[in-house]
Amino acid sequence: MSQIITTTFFKVESFSNKWWAFTQMQFGHSSLKNIEGLTFYKLLGSGAKNGFSSIPNFGTYVLFVFGNPKQMLKRFLKKILF
């Protein structure tokens, strides 16, 4: 069985986009957990300064995904990215 791992970085600039991205750290799970073929996912924020500060950087987020590409990729891209 083949598996695929993707890491996607999102940079957001306007206040409304930053707020939406921040809320997805809590509410985005409902969209991700029902994608067929998705084995594992992780929503990640980042810190200010060098990326590891305890002060959050509300402009950068990461989506880490692991799963079966044949089942997941089309549904995932359609649901999440478009």
N, C-alpha and C. Protein backbone atom coordinates (compact mmCIF):
# COMPACT_ATOMS: atom_id res chain seq x y z
N MET A 1 0.84 -1.17 0.00
CA MET A 1 0.00 0.00 0.00
C MET A 1 0.89 1.24 0.00
N SER A 2 0.65 2.14 -0.93
CA SER A 2 1.45 3.37 -0.99
C SER A 2 0.85 4.44 -0.09
N GLN A 3 1.71 5.26 0.45
CA GLN A 3 1.31 6.35 1.33
C GLN A 3 1.98 7.64 0.83
N ILE A 4 1.39 8.76 1.17
CA ILE A 4 1.95 10.05 0.81
C ILE A 4 1.97 10.94 2.05
N ILE A 5 3.02 11.75 2.16
CA ILE A 5 3.13 12.73 3.24
C ILE A 5 3.26 14.10 2.59
N THR A 6 2.45 15.05 3.03
CA THR A 6 2.57 16.42 2.53
C THR A 6 2.69 17.39 3.71
N THR A 7 3.46 18.40 3.50
CA THR A 7 3.59 19.49 4.46
C THR A 7 3.32 20.78 3.69
N THR A 8 2.27 21.49 4.07
CA THR A 8 1.88 22.71 3.37
C THR A 8 1.98 23.89 4.32
N PHE A 9 2.72 24.91 3.92
CA PHE A 9 2.86 26.12 4.71
C PHE A 9 1.90 27.18 4.18
N PHE A 10 1.19 27.83 5.07
CA PHE A 10 0.25 28.89 4.70
C PHE A 10 0.71 30.19 5.33
N LYS A 11 0.89 31.22 4.50
CA LYS A 11 1.21 32.56 4.99
C LYS A 11 -0.01 33.43 4.74
N VAL A 12 -0.52 34.06 5.78
CA VAL A 12 -1.68 34.93 5.66
C VAL A 12 -1.29 36.33 6.13
N GLU A 13 -1.90 37.35 5.52
CA GLU A 13 -1.48 38.71 5.81
C GLU A 13 -2.54 39.60 6.43
N SER A 14 -3.74 39.61 5.90
CA SER A 14 -4.75 40.54 6.44
C SER A 14 -5.27 40.03 7.78
N PHE A 15 -5.81 40.94 8.56
CA PHE A 15 -6.32 40.57 9.88
C PHE A 15 -7.43 39.53 9.78
N SER A 16 -8.34 39.70 8.82
CA SER A 16 -9.46 38.74 8.68
C SER A 16 -8.95 37.36 8.30
N ASN A 17 -7.93 37.27 7.45
CA ASN A 17 -7.36 35.97 7.09
C ASN A 17 -6.61 35.34 8.26
N LYS A 18 -5.91 36.17 9.03
CA LYS A 18 -5.21 35.66 10.21
C LYS A 18 -6.20 35.12 11.23
N TRP A 19 -7.32 35.84 11.41
CA TRP A 19 -8.33 35.39 12.36
C TRP A 19 -8.94 34.07 11.89
N TRP A 20 -9.27 33.96 10.59
CA TRP A 20 -9.85 32.73 10.06
C TRP A 20 -8.88 31.56 10.25
N ALA A 21 -7.60 31.76 9.91
CA ALA A 21 -6.61 30.70 10.05
C ALA A 21 -6.47 30.28 11.52
N PHE A 22 -6.47 31.24 12.42
CA PHE A 22 -6.37 30.93 13.84
C PHE A 22 -7.57 30.10 14.31
N THR A 23 -8.78 30.43 13.86
CA THR A 23 -9.96 29.66 14.27
C THR A 23 -9.94 28.24 13.70
N GLN A 24 -9.27 28.05 12.56
CA GLN A 24 -9.21 26.71 11.97
C GLN A 24 -8.35 25.76 12.80
N MET A 25 -7.52 26.29 13.67
CA MET A 25 -6.75 25.44 14.57
C MET A 25 -7.69 24.66 15.49
N GLN A 26 -8.87 25.19 15.74
CA GLN A 26 -9.87 24.48 16.55
C GLN A 26 -10.97 23.87 15.68
N PHE A 27 -11.49 24.65 14.74
CA PHE A 27 -12.67 24.20 13.99
C PHE A 27 -12.35 23.44 12.70
N GLY A 28 -11.11 23.48 12.25
CA GLY A 28 -10.73 22.79 11.02
C GLY A 28 -10.73 21.27 11.13
N HIS A 29 -10.70 20.76 12.35
CA HIS A 29 -10.67 19.30 12.55
C HIS A 29 -11.91 18.61 11.98
N SER A 30 -13.06 19.28 12.04
CA SER A 30 -14.29 18.65 11.56
C SER A 30 -14.22 18.39 10.05
N SER A 31 -13.56 19.24 9.30
CA SER A 31 -13.41 19.02 7.85
C SER A 31 -12.36 17.97 7.54
N LEU A 32 -11.31 17.92 8.32
CA LEU A 32 -10.20 17.00 8.03
C LEU A 32 -10.47 15.57 8.46
N LYS A 33 -11.15 15.36 9.56
CA LYS A 33 -11.28 14.01 10.10
C LYS A 33 -12.16 13.09 9.26
N ASN A 34 -12.94 13.63 8.33
CA ASN A 34 -13.84 12.80 7.52
C ASN A 34 -13.34 12.54 6.11
N ILE A 35 -12.11 12.86 5.81
CA ILE A 35 -11.58 12.65 4.46
C ILE A 35 -11.13 11.19 4.32
N GLU A 36 -11.73 10.50 3.36
CA GLU A 36 -11.42 9.08 3.14
C GLU A 36 -9.97 8.92 2.72
N GLY A 37 -9.26 7.98 3.33
CA GLY A 37 -7.87 7.71 3.01
C GLY A 37 -6.88 8.51 3.84
N LEU A 38 -7.36 9.48 4.59
CA LEU A 38 -6.49 10.28 5.44
C LEU A 38 -6.19 9.50 6.71
N THR A 39 -4.93 9.16 6.91
CA THR A 39 -4.51 8.37 8.05
C THR A 39 -4.18 9.23 9.26
N PHE A 40 -3.52 10.36 9.00
CA PHE A 40 -3.07 11.23 10.08
C PHE A 40 -2.96 12.65 9.55
N TYR A 41 -3.30 13.62 10.38
CA TYR A 41 -3.07 15.02 10.04
C TYR A 41 -2.71 15.78 11.31
N LYS A 42 -2.06 16.91 11.12
CA LYS A 42 -1.71 17.77 12.24
C LYS A 42 -1.75 19.21 11.77
N LEU A 43 -2.48 20.04 12.49
CA LEU A 43 -2.50 21.47 12.25
C LEU A 43 -1.47 22.11 13.17
N LEU A 44 -0.59 22.92 12.60
CA LEU A 44 0.50 23.50 13.38
C LEU A 44 0.55 25.01 13.23
N GLY A 45 0.78 25.69 14.33
CA GLY A 45 1.04 27.11 14.31
C GLY A 45 2.54 27.33 14.34
N SER A 46 2.94 28.58 14.44
CA SER A 46 4.37 28.87 14.53
C SER A 46 4.60 30.00 15.52
N GLY A 47 5.81 30.10 15.98
CA GLY A 47 6.17 31.15 16.91
C GLY A 47 6.80 32.33 16.20
N ALA A 48 6.79 33.48 16.86
CA ALA A 48 7.40 34.68 16.30
C ALA A 48 8.93 34.56 16.38
N LYS A 49 9.60 35.59 15.97
CA LYS A 49 11.06 35.67 15.95
C LYS A 49 11.65 34.56 15.08
N ASN A 50 12.30 33.56 15.63
CA ASN A 50 12.92 32.48 14.85
C ASN A 50 11.99 31.29 14.63
N GLY A 51 10.72 31.43 14.96
CA GLY A 51 9.77 30.35 14.76
C GLY A 51 9.53 29.49 15.97
N PHE A 52 10.31 29.68 17.04
CA PHE A 52 10.19 28.83 18.22
C PHE A 52 9.90 29.62 19.49
N SER A 53 9.48 30.85 19.33
CA SER A 53 9.17 31.70 20.46
C SER A 53 7.83 31.27 21.08
N SER A 54 7.64 31.58 22.34
CA SER A 54 6.36 31.31 22.99
C SER A 54 5.31 32.32 22.55
N ILE A 55 5.74 33.37 21.89
CA ILE A 55 4.82 34.35 21.32
C ILE A 55 4.38 33.83 19.95
N PRO A 56 3.07 33.69 19.71
CA PRO A 56 2.62 33.10 18.44
C PRO A 56 2.80 34.05 17.25
N ASN A 57 3.01 33.45 16.10
CA ASN A 57 3.03 34.16 14.83
C ASN A 57 1.69 33.85 14.17
N PHE A 58 0.77 34.80 14.16
CA PHE A 58 -0.56 34.56 13.62
C PHE A 58 -0.61 34.60 12.10
N GLY A 59 0.53 34.75 11.45
CA GLY A 59 0.56 34.83 10.00
C GLY A 59 1.08 33.58 9.30
N THR A 60 1.53 32.57 10.05
CA THR A 60 2.08 31.36 9.44
C THR A 60 1.51 30.11 10.11
N TYR A 61 0.97 29.21 9.29
CA TYR A 61 0.42 27.95 9.77
C TYR A 61 0.89 26.83 8.87
N VAL A 62 0.85 25.60 9.38
CA VAL A 62 1.31 24.44 8.63
C VAL A 62 0.26 23.33 8.74
N LEU A 63 0.02 22.63 7.64
CA LEU A 63 -0.85 21.46 7.62
C LEU A 63 0.01 20.27 7.21
N PHE A 64 0.13 19.29 8.10
CA PHE A 64 0.90 18.06 7.87
C PHE A 64 -0.11 16.94 7.68
N VAL A 65 0.01 16.21 6.56
CA VAL A 65 -0.97 15.18 6.19
C VAL A 65 -0.27 13.90 5.78
N PHE A 66 -0.83 12.75 6.20
CA PHE A 66 -0.32 11.43 5.85
C PHE A 66 -1.50 10.56 5.46
N GLY A 67 -1.41 9.87 4.32
CA GLY A 67 -2.52 9.00 3.94
C GLY A 67 -2.31 8.31 2.61
N ASN A 68 -3.34 7.59 2.18
CA ASN A 68 -3.36 6.85 0.92
C ASN A 68 -3.69 7.82 -0.20
N PRO A 69 -2.76 8.04 -1.15
CA PRO A 69 -2.98 9.07 -2.16
C PRO A 69 -4.15 8.80 -3.10
N LYS A 70 -4.39 7.55 -3.43
CA LYS A 70 -5.47 7.26 -4.37
C LYS A 70 -6.84 7.60 -3.78
N GLN A 71 -7.03 7.32 -2.52
CA GLN A 71 -8.30 7.62 -1.87
C GLN A 71 -8.40 9.09 -1.47
N MET A 72 -7.31 9.64 -1.04
CA MET A 72 -7.32 10.91 -0.36
C MET A 72 -7.09 12.12 -1.24
N LEU A 73 -6.18 12.05 -2.16
CA LEU A 73 -5.65 13.24 -2.81
C LEU A 73 -6.72 14.09 -3.50
N LYS A 74 -7.55 13.49 -4.33
CA LYS A 74 -8.57 14.26 -5.03
C LYS A 74 -9.55 14.90 -4.05
N ARG A 75 -10.04 14.12 -3.11
CA ARG A 75 -11.01 14.65 -2.13
C ARG A 75 -10.36 15.72 -1.26
N PHE A 76 -9.14 15.45 -0.85
CA PHE A 76 -8.43 16.38 0.02
C PHE A 76 -8.22 17.72 -0.68
N LEU A 77 -7.67 17.67 -1.87
CA LEU A 77 -7.40 18.92 -2.60
C LEU A 77 -8.69 19.68 -2.90
N LYS A 78 -9.73 18.97 -3.26
CA LYS A 78 -10.99 19.63 -3.57
C LYS A 78 -11.61 20.26 -2.32
N LYS A 79 -11.57 19.56 -1.21
CA LYS A 79 -12.22 20.03 0.01
C LYS A 79 -11.42 21.10 0.73
N ILE A 80 -10.11 20.95 0.80
CA ILE A 80 -9.28 21.83 1.61
C ILE A 80 -8.74 23.02 0.81
N LEU A 81 -8.22 22.79 -0.36
CA LEU A 81 -7.50 23.85 -1.06
C LEU A 81 -8.36 24.67 -2.02
N PHE A 82 -9.51 24.19 -2.41
CA PHE A 82 -10.32 24.93 -3.38
C PHE A 82 -11.63 25.37 -2.80
